[in-house]
Protein backbone atom coordinates (compact mmCIF):
# COMPACT_ATOMS: atom_id res chain seq x y z
CA MET A 1 -8.31 -33.54 6.12
CA GLU A 2 -6.47 -31.01 3.97
CA LYS A 3 -9.57 -29.05 3.55
CA LYS A 4 -10.06 -28.74 7.46
CA ILE A 5 -6.31 -27.71 7.69
CA MET A 6 -6.75 -25.02 4.99
CA SER A 7 -10.00 -23.73 6.59
CA CYS A 8 -8.22 -23.47 9.99
CA LEU A 9 -5.19 -21.67 8.30
CA VAL A 10 -7.64 -19.08 6.44
CA LEU A 11 -9.51 -18.44 9.86
CA ALA A 12 -6.08 -18.02 11.65
CA PHE A 13 -4.84 -15.69 8.93
CA GLY A 14 -7.87 -13.55 9.13
CA LEU A 15 -7.52 -13.40 12.73
CA MET A 16 -3.90 -12.63 12.37
CA ILE A 17 -4.87 -9.71 10.15
CA ILE A 18 -6.47 -7.89 13.21
CA LEU A 19 -3.29 -8.24 15.22
CA VAL A 20 -0.97 -7.12 12.43
CA LEU A 21 -3.43 -4.12 11.91
CA ASN A 22 -2.71 -2.97 15.46
CA ALA A 23 0.84 -3.03 15.06
CA SER A 24 1.13 -1.48 11.66
CA ALA A 25 0.65 2.25 10.35
CA SER A 26 -2.15 2.89 8.00
CA ALA A 27 -1.77 5.06 4.95
CA ALA A 28 -3.44 8.36 4.81
CA ASP A 29 -5.89 8.60 1.86
CA GLY A 30 -4.69 5.26 0.35
CA ILE A 31 -4.81 1.61 0.66
CA THR A 32 -4.49 0.57 4.17
CA CYS A 33 -2.81 -2.37 5.74
CA GLU A 34 -6.05 -4.16 6.28
CA GLU A 35 -7.28 -3.70 2.79
CA ALA A 36 -3.83 -4.81 1.44
CA LEU A 37 -3.99 -8.04 3.60
CA THR A 38 -7.64 -8.65 2.60
CA GLN A 39 -6.46 -8.46 -1.05
CA LEU A 40 -3.63 -10.83 -0.58
CA ILE A 41 -5.30 -13.51 1.50
CA THR A 42 -5.61 -15.97 -1.44
CA CYS A 43 -1.70 -15.76 -1.71
CA GLN A 44 -1.46 -17.58 1.75
CA PRO A 45 -1.42 -21.15 0.46
CA TYR A 46 1.52 -20.26 -1.78
CA LEU A 47 3.28 -18.06 0.97
CA LEU A 48 3.17 -20.72 3.58
CA GLY A 49 4.50 -23.66 1.10
CA PHE A 50 1.06 -25.37 0.51
CA ARG A 51 0.90 -24.50 -3.27
CA PRO A 52 3.81 -24.69 -5.70
CA THR A 53 2.61 -21.38 -7.42
CA PRO A 54 0.34 -18.52 -6.47
CA ILE A 55 -3.30 -18.87 -7.88
CA SER A 56 -4.69 -16.24 -10.19
CA THR A 57 -6.67 -14.52 -7.42
CA CYS A 58 -3.49 -13.98 -5.46
CA CYS A 59 -1.88 -12.37 -8.62
CA LYS A 60 -4.88 -10.18 -9.04
CA GLY A 61 -4.81 -9.09 -5.54
CA ALA A 62 -0.97 -8.34 -5.51
CA GLU A 63 -1.50 -6.42 -8.70
CA ASN A 64 -4.26 -4.26 -7.10
CA VAL A 65 -2.28 -3.53 -4.07
CA SER A 66 0.67 -2.68 -6.39
CA GLN A 67 -1.33 -0.17 -8.23
CA GLN A 68 -2.62 1.58 -5.14
CA ALA A 69 0.73 1.97 -3.89
CA ASN A 70 1.32 5.31 -5.69
CA THR A 71 2.84 7.56 -2.95
CA THR A 72 5.88 7.30 -0.78
CA THR A 73 3.67 7.44 2.31
CA ILE A 74 1.76 4.56 1.15
CA ARG A 75 4.55 2.43 -0.16
CA ARG A 76 6.41 2.97 3.26
CA SER A 77 3.15 2.00 5.08
CA LEU A 78 2.72 -1.17 2.93
CA CYS A 79 6.36 -2.16 3.37
CA GLU A 80 5.85 -2.00 7.26
CA CYS A 81 2.61 -3.84 7.05
CA ILE A 82 4.06 -6.64 4.63
CA GLU A 83 7.16 -6.87 7.11
CA THR A 84 4.93 -7.35 10.08
CA ALA A 85 2.58 -9.71 8.57
CA ALA A 86 5.40 -11.92 7.23
CA LYS A 87 6.79 -12.36 10.61
CA ALA A 88 3.48 -12.68 12.23
CA PHE A 89 2.18 -15.31 9.69
CA HIS A 90 5.51 -17.04 9.44
CA LEU A 91 5.44 -16.63 5.61
CA ILE A 92 8.28 -18.15 3.62
CA PRO A 93 10.54 -15.09 2.67
CA GLU A 94 11.81 -16.65 -0.50
CA ARG A 95 8.27 -17.12 -1.76
CA LEU A 96 7.24 -13.56 -0.75
CA LYS A 97 10.22 -12.34 -2.86
CA GLN A 98 9.35 -14.50 -5.98
CA LEU A 99 5.60 -13.39 -5.96
CA PRO A 100 6.09 -10.49 -8.42
CA GLN A 101 7.99 -12.50 -10.71
CA LEU A 102 5.67 -15.42 -10.70
CA CYS A 103 2.60 -13.09 -11.01
CA GLU A 104 4.48 -11.20 -13.66
CA ILE A 105 4.02 -7.66 -11.96
CA ASN A 106 6.18 -4.91 -11.10
CA VAL A 107 5.79 -3.81 -7.48
CA PRO A 108 6.87 -0.52 -5.82
CA VAL A 109 6.99 -1.97 -2.39
CA PRO A 110 9.99 -4.64 -1.39
CA LEU A 111 8.24 -7.86 -0.71
CA ASP A 112 11.19 -8.72 1.74
CA PRO A 113 10.49 -9.05 5.59
CA THR A 114 14.05 -8.09 6.23
CA VAL A 115 13.98 -4.62 4.22
CA ASP A 116 14.34 -1.37 5.84
CA CYS A 117 11.21 0.31 5.03
CA ASN A 118 12.49 3.86 5.80
CA THR A 119 15.08 3.87 2.73
C-alpha cells in the first residue's frame, strides 16, 4: 500500500513540475527550473514528511543544483522556482530549510517559500 502511495506521489510530483514550469521564470544560459526540480525529485519523500531524513541522491541533487546557481540571475530564477514548487507541492517549509544542513552543503539560494527572491 505504501509503495502505491509513493508511486502516485512521484507521478503527481512529476505532473506538478510541468505546472510549476509554466509559472516560473527560467534562467538564461544556466540551470532551468525544470532541471532543478528533476534533480531534486528524490527529495520529495523527505520534504513531504514521509522520510525522517533526505536520501543520498536527494543530497547529491541539491548539491548539483547549488553548484549550478552561479549567477544572480540564475539564483533569482531558482529562488522563484523553489518558492513556487514549495507552495504547489505543499512541501513542509521547515524541512526545506533544513535540507542544506542535513545534506551538509552550502546553498546560494534561500530554501524558504516565504523569502523575497528579489533581494
